[in-house]
C-alpha cells in the first residue's frame, strides 16, 4: 500500500479486496494511494526522457538531434495534463490532492507541512500550461492563476504572499545574459583582489553590460599566499557572491533547471528525482521518481529555446497583423522618447548584447550548474556533464516563429535573437537583471529570500503588452496602475510620468503596448505574397493584438 502500482499491466485483484485497500488508504493518508484498480482502467500520461539517450546523441556528435529530441519531449511535458499515476498533486491533507491555500496546519505524516523538500505553496495545477496560458502555451497567467505562498510555514495568512505567473519566452537569452554579467562582475572582483594583494587594500566599481552593481572593497589579510577579505556592504542589486540570478520575482534563482525543479514541485506536485532523491516519495502521494533527470533537461531545453518577444511594428512589417494606423505608429515613436525622458530606461534598459549566444545545458560556468543535485547525486554520473552539453544557438535554433518563402527557405527567424554581426546577439529585453528597492507600497509582509521585503528584480518588459495583470502579485490591471505603484528607487520615474501631459502619457502606454508576445509552432508562415498564416492560434493572436 506504500507505493502506487505504476505498471498498468499489474494483475487485477478482486474488486472487493481493492475497495477495502483503497478505503483504508483514504482513512490513513487522506488520498487514495493504492492505484491497483485505477491502473487497470487508466494509464499514466508522462512519457519520460532518458538522459543517457540525450547524452549519447551529443557524444555521437549529433547535437541537432539532441536539441530536437529534448525540445519535443519538453514541449510534451510542459503541456501534459498529468494524473495520479504520474504523481501529480500531493497528499495535501484532509483528502485533498491540490490546494490554492498553503496548509502549514496539516502536519500529519505525509501531509503538506511535512513534505520534502518543503513546499511554499500548492500543488495547485495538473500541468505547466494550466498557469502559463495567456494568448498561448508558455505565456503569462491571469489573476485567477495567482499562487499564494507561505514560505515561512507560519500558517498565518498575514504572512502569505502572492505571485502572478510571468511568461516563459526567451528564457535561454535571459540566463545567458546573467551568465555573462556574472563573469564581468567576478572579473571586477578579481581586479580589486590583485590590487589589494599588491597594496594592502583596494576598492573598485562593479559593472556588467553597462549596469552598475555598486562597488566592492578588498583588504589583504595574509601575504604568502595572498588572501583577502571582502567588504560587500556597497554591492548593489545582486547578492554578495556576485552571481546574477535572473529568475523569480525576487531574483533568487540562477538557472532554468533550478526554476523547473522548483515550479514542478510547488505548482503541480511533480517531484524531480534530483530534488527529492531516487525512489523517495517526498510528498506522500505514493509515487516515486515522478520526474527523471532527462525530464528536467528536456524542459530546460524547451524553455531555453522559446522564441523571443517581438513588437507590433515588427509583426506589421512581416504582414502578420493588420496594418497599424499612422496615428498608432506615431504614438509608439513618441512613447519611446517619453520612456527615455522619464528615466524608465535607466532600469528597463532597452537592449543588451550577448557576446556568445550559445546556450548550454549544463552551463559552461560552474556558477550556473549543479555541483551536486539538491538531493545529493552527482550530476555527471547521471549524464548531466558539462563536457557534453546540449547546445542551443539563440540566433537560429528556435523552432517556432520561422518565416518562410514559397520554397520553404527561412527568410526571417522571428523567434531568434538578432545577430550583431560580430558573432554576438542583441537582446531587447527592457531590463537590467538587477534588484531594486521598489518602496513601501510594494513591500511584502515578509522578506522571503533575505533581499528585502520591498526589493524586486527588474521585470523585463519585452512582451509586456500581452501580459496583464502586472507586478509581482498582479495587483495592477493596467500599465498606468503599474507605473503609479512604482516607488523607492523608481519614484523619480513614476513622478516624471505623472508630470507628463495626457498625450505623452498615452504615447508611453502605446509604446509599452507595442511590446508583445507572438508564437506559432513550427514553420507556418509563408512570405512573400500572398501572405498566409496557417495556424489557428496565430490567427487568433492576430485578432487579439489588434
Protein backbone atom coordinates (compact mmCIF):
# COMPACT_ATOMS: atom_id res chain seq x y z
CA UNK A 1 0.00 0.00 0.00
CA UNK A 2 3.00 2.33 0.42
CA UNK A 3 3.50 2.84 -3.32
CA UNK A 4 1.37 3.14 -6.41
CA UNK A 5 1.45 0.15 -8.72
CA UNK A 6 2.59 2.26 -11.64
CA UNK A 7 2.73 -0.52 -14.21
CA UNK A 8 -0.79 -0.82 -15.63
CA UNK A 9 -0.07 -4.42 -16.64
CA UNK A 10 -0.15 -5.48 -13.00
CA UNK A 11 -2.52 -8.40 -12.44
CA UNK A 12 -6.06 -7.48 -11.49
CA UNK A 13 -7.07 -8.36 -7.97
CA UNK A 14 -10.55 -8.77 -6.67
CA UNK A 15 -12.71 -5.67 -6.62
CA UNK A 16 -13.74 -6.23 -3.04
CA UNK A 17 -10.13 -6.54 -1.89
CA UNK A 18 -9.08 -3.41 -3.77
CA UNK A 19 -12.03 -1.45 -2.41
CA UNK A 20 -11.02 -2.41 1.11
CA UNK A 21 -7.43 -1.34 0.50
CA UNK A 22 -8.49 1.95 -1.08
CA UNK A 23 -10.84 2.72 1.80
CA UNK A 24 -8.09 2.02 4.31
CA UNK A 25 -5.69 4.20 2.34
CA UNK A 26 -8.14 7.07 2.36
CA UNK A 27 -8.53 6.83 6.12
CA UNK A 28 -4.79 6.62 6.75
CA UNK A 29 -3.26 9.01 4.26
CA UNK A 30 -6.04 11.34 3.20
CA UNK A 31 -5.81 10.45 -0.50
CA UNK A 32 -6.14 7.23 -2.46
CA UNK A 33 -2.65 5.78 -2.60
CA UNK A 34 -3.27 2.27 -3.83
CA UNK A 35 -3.75 2.56 -7.58
CA UNK A 36 -4.49 -1.11 -8.36
CA UNK A 37 -7.95 -0.52 -9.78
CA UNK A 38 -7.03 2.87 -11.25
CA UNK A 39 -4.10 1.34 -13.12
CA UNK A 40 -6.36 -1.24 -14.76
CA UNK A 41 -8.64 1.50 -16.11
CA UNK A 42 -6.24 4.35 -16.81
CA UNK A 43 -2.61 4.88 -17.79
CA UNK A 44 -0.01 7.36 -16.67
CA UNK A 45 0.34 10.32 -19.02
CA UNK A 46 4.04 11.18 -18.74
CA UNK A 47 6.47 10.00 -21.39
CA UNK A 48 9.76 10.22 -19.55
CA UNK A 49 13.02 11.29 -21.16
CA UNK A 50 16.16 9.20 -20.78
CA UNK A 51 19.13 11.46 -20.00
CA UNK A 52 21.51 8.72 -21.15
CA UNK A 53 19.91 8.77 -24.60
CA UNK A 54 20.36 12.54 -24.89
CA UNK A 55 23.97 12.24 -23.74
CA UNK A 56 24.62 9.51 -26.31
CA UNK A 57 23.42 11.79 -29.13
CA UNK A 58 25.76 14.56 -28.01
CA UNK A 59 28.70 12.19 -27.66
CA UNK A 60 27.99 10.90 -31.16
CA UNK A 61 28.34 14.45 -32.45
CA UNK A 62 24.66 14.93 -33.26
CA UNK A 63 23.81 17.98 -31.16
CA UNK A 64 20.96 18.92 -33.51
CA UNK A 65 19.25 15.61 -32.85
CA UNK A 66 19.73 16.05 -29.10
CA UNK A 67 18.18 19.54 -29.25
CA UNK A 68 15.24 18.31 -31.30
CA UNK A 69 14.61 15.30 -29.04
CA UNK A 70 14.86 17.37 -25.86
CA UNK A 71 12.69 20.17 -27.25
CA UNK A 72 9.92 17.83 -28.36
CA UNK A 73 9.98 15.94 -25.07
CA UNK A 74 9.99 19.18 -23.09
CA UNK A 75 7.10 20.53 -25.14
CA UNK A 76 5.07 17.43 -24.37
CA UNK A 77 5.93 17.55 -20.68
CA UNK A 78 5.05 21.25 -20.42
CA UNK A 79 1.55 20.79 -21.81
CA UNK A 80 0.78 17.35 -20.38
CA UNK A 81 -2.17 17.09 -18.01
CA UNK A 82 -0.77 14.59 -15.51
CA UNK A 83 -2.82 12.25 -13.35
CA UNK A 84 -2.35 10.44 -10.07
CA UNK A 85 -0.48 7.57 -11.72
CA UNK A 86 2.20 10.12 -12.70
CA UNK A 87 2.31 11.54 -9.19
CA UNK A 88 0.64 14.87 -9.93
CA UNK A 89 -0.56 16.73 -6.86
CA UNK A 90 0.33 15.60 -3.38
CA UNK A 91 -1.11 14.39 -0.12
CA UNK A 92 -2.08 17.87 0.95
CA UNK A 93 -4.20 16.50 3.79
CA UNK A 94 -7.91 16.29 4.57
CA UNK A 95 -8.37 14.10 1.50
CA UNK A 96 -7.16 16.76 -0.96
CA UNK A 97 -4.56 16.39 -3.69
CA UNK A 98 -4.48 20.08 -4.70
CA UNK A 99 -4.89 23.35 -2.83
CA UNK A 100 -4.78 27.07 -3.58
CA UNK A 101 -4.03 27.76 0.08
CA UNK A 102 -0.79 26.67 1.79
CA UNK A 103 -1.61 24.25 4.60
CA UNK A 104 1.05 24.63 7.27
CA UNK A 105 -1.60 23.49 9.74
CA UNK A 106 -1.58 19.98 8.23
CA UNK A 107 1.42 18.39 9.92
CA UNK A 108 0.46 14.73 9.91
CA UNK A 109 2.60 12.02 8.29
CA UNK A 110 2.92 12.76 4.57
CA UNK A 111 0.76 15.89 4.79
CA UNK A 112 1.57 19.36 3.37
CA UNK A 113 3.75 20.73 6.16
CA UNK A 114 5.92 17.59 6.28
CA UNK A 115 6.65 17.28 2.56
CA UNK A 116 10.26 17.07 1.43
CA UNK A 117 11.59 19.27 0.01
CA UNK A 118 9.37 21.76 1.85
CA UNK A 119 6.70 23.45 -0.22
CA UNK A 120 5.82 27.13 -0.14
CA UNK A 121 2.52 26.65 -1.96
CA UNK A 122 0.27 24.25 -3.86
CA UNK A 123 0.21 21.92 -5.60
CA UNK A 124 -2.46 23.79 -7.49
CA UNK A 125 -2.42 22.65 -11.16
CA UNK A 126 -2.20 19.49 -13.26
CA UNK A 127 0.08 20.93 -15.94
CA UNK A 128 2.62 23.69 -16.55
CA UNK A 129 0.46 25.40 -19.14
CA UNK A 130 -2.50 25.50 -16.78
CA UNK A 131 -0.81 28.65 -15.44
CA UNK A 132 1.33 29.77 -18.41
CA UNK A 133 -1.70 30.11 -20.63
CA UNK A 134 -2.44 33.70 -21.73
CA UNK A 135 -2.54 34.08 -25.53
CA UNK A 136 -0.94 30.64 -25.91
CA UNK A 137 1.05 27.97 -24.09
CA UNK A 138 4.15 29.43 -22.41
CA UNK A 139 2.50 32.82 -21.92
CA UNK A 140 1.74 34.60 -18.67
CA UNK A 141 -1.07 33.94 -16.23
CA UNK A 142 -4.23 35.80 -15.34
CA UNK A 143 -5.16 36.92 -11.85
CA UNK A 144 -7.16 33.74 -11.30
CA UNK A 145 -3.89 31.81 -11.59
CA UNK A 146 -2.14 33.73 -8.81
CA UNK A 147 -0.49 31.45 -6.28
CA UNK A 148 -0.47 32.07 -2.55
CA UNK A 149 2.76 31.21 -0.80
CA UNK A 150 3.66 30.61 2.84
CA UNK A 151 7.46 30.32 2.64
CA UNK A 152 7.87 30.50 6.41
CA UNK A 153 5.25 27.80 7.04
CA UNK A 154 3.70 30.20 9.50
CA UNK A 155 0.08 29.24 8.88
CA UNK A 156 -0.60 32.95 9.36
CA UNK A 157 -2.49 34.44 6.44
CA UNK A 158 -0.91 37.83 7.19
CA UNK A 159 2.43 36.32 6.21
CA UNK A 160 1.21 34.83 2.94
CA UNK A 161 2.46 36.37 -0.30
CA UNK A 162 1.04 36.25 -3.83
CA UNK A 163 2.76 35.60 -7.13
CA UNK A 164 1.45 36.24 -10.62
CA UNK A 165 2.64 33.98 -13.44
CA UNK A 166 5.21 35.51 -15.85
CA UNK A 167 5.64 34.41 -19.45
CA UNK A 168 8.41 31.94 -20.30
CA UNK A 169 9.56 33.21 -23.70
CA UNK A 170 13.31 33.64 -24.38
CA UNK A 171 14.47 32.22 -21.06
CA UNK A 172 17.65 30.98 -22.72
CA UNK A 173 18.64 34.54 -23.59
CA UNK A 174 17.85 35.65 -20.05
CA UNK A 175 20.09 33.03 -18.49
CA UNK A 176 22.92 33.68 -20.94
CA UNK A 177 22.86 37.40 -20.16
CA UNK A 178 23.05 36.60 -16.45
CA UNK A 179 26.00 34.28 -17.07
CA UNK A 180 27.97 36.88 -19.00
CA UNK A 181 27.15 39.60 -16.49
CA UNK A 182 28.35 37.38 -13.64
CA UNK A 183 31.64 36.79 -15.48
CA UNK A 184 32.14 40.55 -15.76
CA UNK A 185 31.38 41.13 -12.08
CA UNK A 186 33.76 38.37 -11.00
CA UNK A 187 36.45 39.86 -13.23
CA UNK A 188 35.97 43.22 -11.49
CA UNK A 189 36.30 41.49 -8.12
CA UNK A 190 39.45 39.68 -9.26
CA UNK A 191 40.96 43.01 -10.34
CA UNK A 192 40.28 44.51 -6.91
CA UNK A 193 41.76 41.38 -5.31
CA UNK A 194 45.00 41.73 -7.27
CA UNK A 195 45.28 45.40 -6.30
CA UNK A 196 44.69 44.56 -2.64
CA UNK A 197 47.38 41.87 -2.76
CA UNK A 198 49.82 44.48 -4.04
CA UNK A 199 48.84 47.49 -1.96
CA UNK A 200 47.09 46.07 1.09
CA UNK A 201 43.61 47.25 0.20
CA UNK A 202 41.63 48.38 -2.80
CA UNK A 203 38.13 49.44 -3.81
CA UNK A 204 36.64 49.04 -7.25
CA UNK A 205 33.41 49.54 -9.14
CA UNK A 206 31.28 46.59 -10.21
CA UNK A 207 29.82 46.91 -13.69
CA UNK A 208 28.34 44.45 -16.15
CA UNK A 209 26.86 45.19 -19.58
CA UNK A 210 26.97 48.87 -18.65
CA UNK A 211 24.91 48.31 -15.48
CA UNK A 212 26.31 49.41 -12.12
CA UNK A 213 26.19 46.95 -9.24
CA UNK A 214 27.87 49.22 -6.73
CA UNK A 215 31.42 48.61 -5.54
CA UNK A 216 33.50 46.16 -3.54
CA UNK A 217 36.45 46.61 -1.21
CA UNK A 218 39.19 44.04 -0.60
CA UNK A 219 41.64 44.04 2.32
CA UNK A 220 44.72 41.82 2.40
CA UNK A 221 44.78 39.53 5.44
CA UNK A 222 47.87 37.44 4.55
CA UNK A 223 50.65 37.76 2.00
CA UNK A 224 52.06 34.31 1.26
CA UNK A 225 49.87 33.20 -0.34
CA UNK A 226 47.83 36.36 -0.64
CA UNK A 227 44.39 36.16 0.94
CA UNK A 228 41.86 38.94 1.20
CA UNK A 229 38.59 39.66 2.92
CA UNK A 230 35.82 41.49 1.13
CA UNK A 231 33.57 44.31 2.25
CA UNK A 232 30.40 43.85 0.21
CA UNK A 233 28.31 46.46 2.00
CA UNK A 234 28.26 48.63 -1.12
CA UNK A 235 27.39 45.86 -3.54
CA UNK A 236 24.01 46.80 -5.01
CA UNK A 237 21.34 44.87 -6.89
CA UNK A 238 22.99 41.47 -6.60
CA UNK A 239 23.97 39.06 -3.84
CA UNK A 240 27.38 39.30 -2.21
CA UNK A 241 28.60 36.33 -4.26
CA UNK A 242 28.05 38.48 -7.41
CA UNK A 243 26.01 35.78 -9.13
CA UNK A 244 23.26 37.40 -11.19
CA UNK A 245 20.09 35.40 -10.64
CA UNK A 246 17.58 36.29 -13.37
CA UNK A 247 14.54 34.23 -12.35
CA UNK A 248 11.71 34.59 -9.85
CA UNK A 249 10.29 37.97 -8.85
CA UNK A 250 12.97 38.38 -6.20
CA UNK A 251 15.89 37.44 -8.44
CA UNK A 252 16.62 34.37 -6.33
CA UNK A 253 17.07 31.63 -8.95
CA UNK A 254 20.05 31.41 -11.30
CA UNK A 255 19.11 28.76 -13.85
CA UNK A 256 16.21 27.44 -15.88
CA UNK A 257 16.91 23.98 -14.50
CA UNK A 258 16.51 25.15 -10.91
CA UNK A 259 13.39 27.09 -11.88
CA UNK A 260 11.90 23.92 -13.42
CA UNK A 261 12.53 21.76 -10.38
CA UNK A 262 11.03 24.29 -8.01
CA UNK A 263 7.96 25.08 -10.11
CA UNK A 264 7.19 21.43 -10.84
CA UNK A 265 7.38 20.59 -7.14
CA UNK A 266 5.42 23.57 -5.85
CA UNK A 267 2.79 24.10 -8.51
CA UNK A 268 1.97 20.68 -9.97
CA UNK A 269 3.39 18.31 -7.38
CA UNK A 270 5.69 16.52 -9.83
CA UNK A 271 8.89 15.92 -7.89
CA UNK A 272 12.19 15.52 -9.71
CA UNK A 273 14.49 12.75 -8.51
CA UNK A 274 17.34 15.26 -8.38
CA UNK A 275 15.21 17.27 -5.98
CA UNK A 276 13.92 14.51 -3.67
CA UNK A 277 16.33 11.64 -4.15
CA UNK A 278 15.90 8.37 -6.01
CA UNK A 279 12.93 6.23 -5.04
CA UNK A 280 11.81 8.79 -2.45
CA UNK A 281 8.16 9.74 -2.05
CA UNK A 282 8.62 13.24 -0.69
CA UNK A 283 5.00 14.38 -0.83
CA UNK A 284 3.03 11.45 0.46
CA UNK A 285 1.22 10.56 -2.76
CA UNK A 286 2.69 7.07 -3.06
CA UNK A 287 4.64 7.78 -6.28
CA UNK A 288 8.41 7.97 -6.58
CA UNK A 289 10.69 9.13 -9.41
CA UNK A 290 7.98 11.41 -10.79
CA UNK A 291 10.42 13.39 -12.97
CA UNK A 292 13.60 11.91 -14.35
CA UNK A 293 16.86 13.79 -14.82
CA UNK A 294 16.10 13.66 -18.54
CA UNK A 295 12.68 15.25 -17.97
CA UNK A 296 14.27 18.26 -16.29
CA UNK A 297 16.84 18.56 -19.08
CA UNK A 298 14.11 18.37 -21.72
CA UNK A 299 12.08 21.11 -20.01
CA UNK A 300 15.20 23.24 -19.74
CA UNK A 301 15.99 22.96 -23.45
CA UNK A 302 12.35 23.57 -24.34
CA UNK A 303 12.15 26.78 -22.31
CA UNK A 304 15.62 27.96 -23.35
CA UNK A 305 14.53 27.60 -26.98
CA UNK A 306 11.34 29.61 -26.69
CA UNK A 307 11.06 32.46 -29.20
CA UNK A 308 11.83 36.00 -28.18
CA UNK A 309 9.04 38.52 -27.67
CA UNK A 310 8.50 40.94 -30.53
CA UNK A 311 6.65 44.17 -31.37
CA UNK A 312 3.55 45.09 -33.32
CA UNK A 313 5.76 47.16 -35.60
CA UNK A 314 7.87 44.11 -36.43
CA UNK A 315 4.80 41.92 -36.96
CA UNK A 316 3.22 44.55 -39.20
CA UNK A 317 6.37 44.71 -41.31
CA UNK A 318 6.14 40.96 -41.88
CA UNK A 319 2.44 41.07 -42.68
CA UNK A 320 1.49 39.05 -39.62
CA UNK A 321 -1.02 41.55 -38.25
CA UNK A 322 -3.28 44.10 -39.87
CA UNK A 323 -1.51 47.38 -40.72
CA UNK A 324 -1.25 49.90 -37.93
CA UNK A 325 -2.61 53.37 -38.49
CA UNK A 326 -0.26 56.31 -38.90
CA UNK A 327 -1.58 57.59 -35.56
CA UNK A 328 -0.62 54.33 -33.85
CA UNK A 329 2.88 54.38 -35.33
CA UNK A 330 3.38 57.99 -34.33
CA UNK A 331 2.24 57.28 -30.78
CA UNK A 332 4.69 54.38 -30.44
CA UNK A 333 7.57 56.54 -31.66
CA UNK A 334 6.62 59.38 -29.34
CA UNK A 335 6.22 56.97 -26.44
CA UNK A 336 9.77 55.70 -26.88
CA UNK A 337 11.01 59.24 -26.28
CA UNK A 338 8.82 59.66 -23.19
CA UNK A 339 10.09 56.30 -21.89
CA UNK A 340 13.67 57.56 -22.08
CA UNK A 341 12.92 61.08 -20.84
CA UNK A 342 11.07 59.80 -17.76
CA UNK A 343 14.07 57.69 -16.76
CA UNK A 344 12.32 54.37 -17.32
CA UNK A 345 15.20 53.16 -19.49
CA UNK A 346 17.68 53.50 -16.63
CA UNK A 347 16.33 50.22 -15.19
CA UNK A 348 14.32 48.88 -18.11
CA UNK A 349 17.35 49.02 -20.39
CA UNK A 350 16.05 48.55 -23.94
CA UNK A 351 18.80 46.25 -25.18
CA UNK A 352 21.96 44.42 -24.22
CA UNK A 353 24.48 42.48 -26.27
CA UNK A 354 25.33 38.82 -25.77
CA UNK A 355 28.95 38.11 -26.69
CA UNK A 356 28.23 34.40 -27.08
CA UNK A 357 24.62 33.45 -27.90
CA UNK A 358 25.20 29.72 -27.36
CA UNK A 359 23.08 28.36 -24.51
CA UNK A 360 24.49 25.20 -22.93
CA UNK A 361 22.78 22.70 -20.67
CA UNK A 362 24.54 22.16 -18.40
CA UNK A 363 26.12 25.60 -18.38
CA UNK A 364 29.81 26.05 -19.08
CA UNK A 365 30.01 28.26 -15.98
CA UNK A 366 30.23 26.41 -12.65
CA UNK A 367 28.07 29.10 -11.01
CA UNK A 368 25.20 28.10 -13.31
CA UNK A 369 25.20 24.34 -12.93
CA UNK A 370 24.80 21.94 -10.05
CA UNK A 371 27.96 20.74 -8.37
CA UNK A 372 25.66 18.19 -6.82
CA UNK A 373 21.91 17.92 -7.25
CA UNK A 374 19.82 19.18 -4.30
CA UNK A 375 19.25 15.57 -3.22
CA UNK A 376 22.98 14.85 -3.27
CA UNK A 377 23.50 12.93 -6.52
CA UNK A 378 26.48 13.63 -8.78
CA UNK A 379 25.15 15.28 -11.98
CA UNK A 380 27.95 13.94 -14.17
CA UNK A 381 27.26 10.36 -13.11
CA UNK A 382 23.62 10.97 -14.09
CA UNK A 383 24.52 12.21 -17.57
CA UNK A 384 24.46 15.99 -16.96
CA UNK A 385 28.05 16.54 -17.99
CA UNK A 386 29.49 19.98 -18.88
CA UNK A 387 31.94 18.25 -21.22
CA UNK A 388 28.99 17.08 -23.32
CA UNK A 389 26.31 19.77 -23.10
CA UNK A 390 23.28 20.18 -25.32
CA UNK A 391 23.81 23.50 -27.10
CA UNK A 392 21.19 25.89 -28.47
CA UNK A 393 22.26 28.74 -30.75
CA UNK A 394 19.90 31.52 -29.71
CA UNK A 395 20.34 33.27 -33.06
CA UNK A 396 18.97 30.43 -35.16
CA UNK A 397 17.87 27.29 -33.33
CA UNK A 398 14.40 28.32 -32.13
CA UNK A 399 11.96 26.04 -33.98
CA UNK A 400 8.98 28.40 -33.62
CA UNK A 401 8.12 31.63 -35.46
CA UNK A 402 10.14 30.99 -38.60
CA UNK A 403 9.10 32.97 -41.65
CA UNK A 404 9.47 31.00 -44.89
CA UNK A 405 9.34 31.84 -48.55
CA UNK A 406 7.28 29.82 -51.04
CA UNK A 407 10.19 27.38 -51.45
CA UNK A 408 10.40 26.65 -47.77
CA UNK A 409 13.54 28.67 -47.10
CA UNK A 410 13.82 30.61 -43.85
CA UNK A 411 13.78 34.30 -44.72
CA UNK A 412 13.27 35.65 -41.21
CA UNK A 413 13.86 33.91 -37.88
CA UNK A 414 11.29 35.89 -35.94
CA UNK A 415 11.82 33.79 -32.82
CA UNK A 416 15.60 34.09 -32.77
CA UNK A 417 17.80 36.83 -31.36
CA UNK A 418 19.10 39.27 -33.99
CA UNK A 419 22.80 38.89 -34.67
CA UNK A 420 25.05 41.89 -34.02
CA UNK A 421 27.22 40.91 -36.98
CA UNK A 422 30.20 40.14 -34.76
CA UNK A 423 29.28 36.70 -33.51
CA UNK A 424 27.07 38.03 -30.74
CA UNK A 425 23.37 38.76 -30.42
CA UNK A 426 21.12 41.67 -29.50
CA UNK A 427 18.71 41.08 -26.62
CA UNK A 428 15.92 43.67 -26.50
CA UNK A 429 14.70 42.74 -23.05
CA UNK A 430 13.97 46.15 -21.45
CA UNK A 431 15.55 45.13 -18.16
CA UNK A 432 18.82 45.31 -16.23
CA UNK A 433 18.96 41.93 -14.42
CA UNK A 434 19.32 43.86 -11.16
CA UNK A 435 17.33 44.00 -7.93
CA UNK A 436 15.86 47.33 -6.80
CA UNK A 437 14.02 48.67 -3.77
CA UNK A 438 10.53 49.46 -5.04
CA UNK A 439 9.28 51.27 -1.95
CA UNK A 440 6.74 50.75 0.79
CA UNK A 441 3.69 50.38 -1.48
CA UNK A 442 5.05 47.17 -2.97
CA UNK A 443 6.74 45.86 0.18
CA UNK A 444 5.56 42.42 1.28
CA UNK A 445 4.70 41.32 4.79
CA UNK A 446 7.78 39.07 4.90
CA UNK A 447 11.27 39.09 3.44
CA UNK A 448 11.05 35.77 1.63
CA UNK A 449 14.65 35.30 0.44
CA UNK A 450 16.56 37.79 2.57
CA UNK A 451 16.95 40.50 -0.05
CA UNK A 452 14.44 42.92 1.48
CA UNK A 453 10.66 42.91 1.64
CA UNK A 454 10.39 45.76 -0.87
CA UNK A 455 13.21 44.60 -3.16
CA UNK A 456 12.36 43.02 -6.51
CA UNK A 457 14.20 42.04 -9.67
CA UNK A 458 13.55 44.46 -12.53
CA UNK A 459 10.83 42.88 -14.63
CA UNK A 460 11.91 42.60 -18.26
CA UNK A 461 9.33 44.46 -20.30
CA UNK A 462 9.57 42.57 -23.58
CA UNK A 463 6.11 41.12 -24.10
CA UNK A 464 4.53 43.47 -21.54
CA UNK A 465 1.76 44.47 -23.94
CA UNK A 466 0.47 40.89 -23.79
CA UNK A 467 0.88 40.08 -20.12
CA UNK A 468 -1.70 41.88 -17.96
CA UNK A 469 -2.12 41.88 -14.99
CA UNK A 470 1.13 43.44 -13.81
CA UNK A 471 3.55 43.47 -10.88
CA UNK A 472 4.54 40.54 -8.69
CA UNK A 473 1.04 39.92 -7.35
CA UNK A 474 -0.98 41.02 -10.38
CA UNK A 475 -2.46 43.97 -8.48
CA UNK A 476 -2.22 46.28 -11.49
CA UNK A 477 -4.82 45.60 -14.18
CA UNK A 478 -3.37 48.31 -16.45
CA UNK A 479 0.07 49.60 -17.30
CA UNK A 480 -0.79 53.00 -15.86
CA UNK A 481 -1.53 51.43 -12.47
CA UNK A 482 1.74 49.51 -12.61
CA UNK A 483 3.69 52.71 -13.19
CA UNK A 484 1.87 54.55 -10.41
CA UNK A 485 2.68 51.72 -7.97
CA UNK A 486 6.42 52.26 -8.52
CA UNK A 487 8.22 53.75 -5.53
CA UNK A 488 11.58 53.63 -3.83
CA UNK A 489 14.34 53.74 -6.44
CA UNK A 490 11.69 54.11 -9.16
CA UNK A 491 9.83 57.02 -7.56
CA UNK A 492 11.54 59.56 -9.78
CA UNK A 493 10.38 57.85 -12.96
CA UNK A 494 6.86 57.48 -11.58
CA UNK A 495 6.73 61.17 -10.74
CA UNK A 496 8.11 62.07 -14.16
CA UNK A 497 5.34 60.05 -15.79
CA UNK A 498 2.66 61.72 -13.67
CA UNK A 499 4.05 65.12 -14.61
CA UNK A 500 3.72 64.44 -18.35
CA UNK A 501 0.85 65.74 -20.44
CA UNK A 502 -2.04 63.40 -21.11
CA UNK A 503 -0.87 62.94 -24.70
CA UNK A 504 2.64 61.99 -23.61
CA UNK A 505 1.30 59.57 -21.01
CA UNK A 506 -0.88 57.95 -23.67
CA UNK A 507 2.10 57.73 -26.01
CA UNK A 508 4.13 55.93 -23.33
CA UNK A 509 1.34 53.39 -22.88
CA UNK A 510 1.19 52.92 -26.67
CA UNK A 511 4.94 52.28 -26.69
CA UNK A 512 4.63 49.63 -23.97
CA UNK A 513 1.62 48.06 -25.69
CA UNK A 514 3.81 47.64 -28.77
CA UNK A 515 5.96 45.10 -26.88
CA UNK A 516 4.07 41.85 -27.43
CA UNK A 517 4.31 38.08 -27.34
CA UNK A 518 3.78 36.13 -30.54
CA UNK A 519 4.06 32.42 -31.14
CA UNK A 520 3.32 29.84 -33.77
CA UNK A 521 4.55 26.27 -33.76
CA UNK A 522 6.98 25.36 -36.48
CA UNK A 523 7.33 26.79 -39.97
CA UNK A 524 3.82 28.09 -40.56
CA UNK A 525 4.21 31.43 -42.28
CA UNK A 526 4.74 31.94 -45.99
CA UNK A 527 6.02 35.24 -47.35
CA UNK A 528 6.15 36.92 -49.94
CA UNK A 529 2.55 37.48 -51.06
CA UNK A 530 0.08 36.09 -50.78
CA UNK A 531 0.74 36.29 -47.04
CA UNK A 532 -0.81 33.35 -45.24
CA UNK A 533 -0.89 32.30 -41.63
CA UNK A 534 -2.00 28.71 -41.33
CA UNK A 535 -2.09 28.25 -37.57
CA UNK A 536 -5.44 28.94 -35.89
CA UNK A 537 -3.58 30.15 -32.80
CA UNK A 538 -1.73 32.70 -34.91
CA UNK A 539 -4.96 33.94 -36.48
CA UNK A 540 -6.48 34.29 -33.04
CA UNK A 541 -3.43 36.15 -31.81
CA UNK A 542 -3.56 38.42 -34.86
CA UNK A 543 -7.06 39.47 -33.92
CA UNK A 544 -6.24 39.92 -30.24
CA UNK A 545 -3.20 42.09 -30.95
CA UNK A 546 -5.40 44.49 -32.87
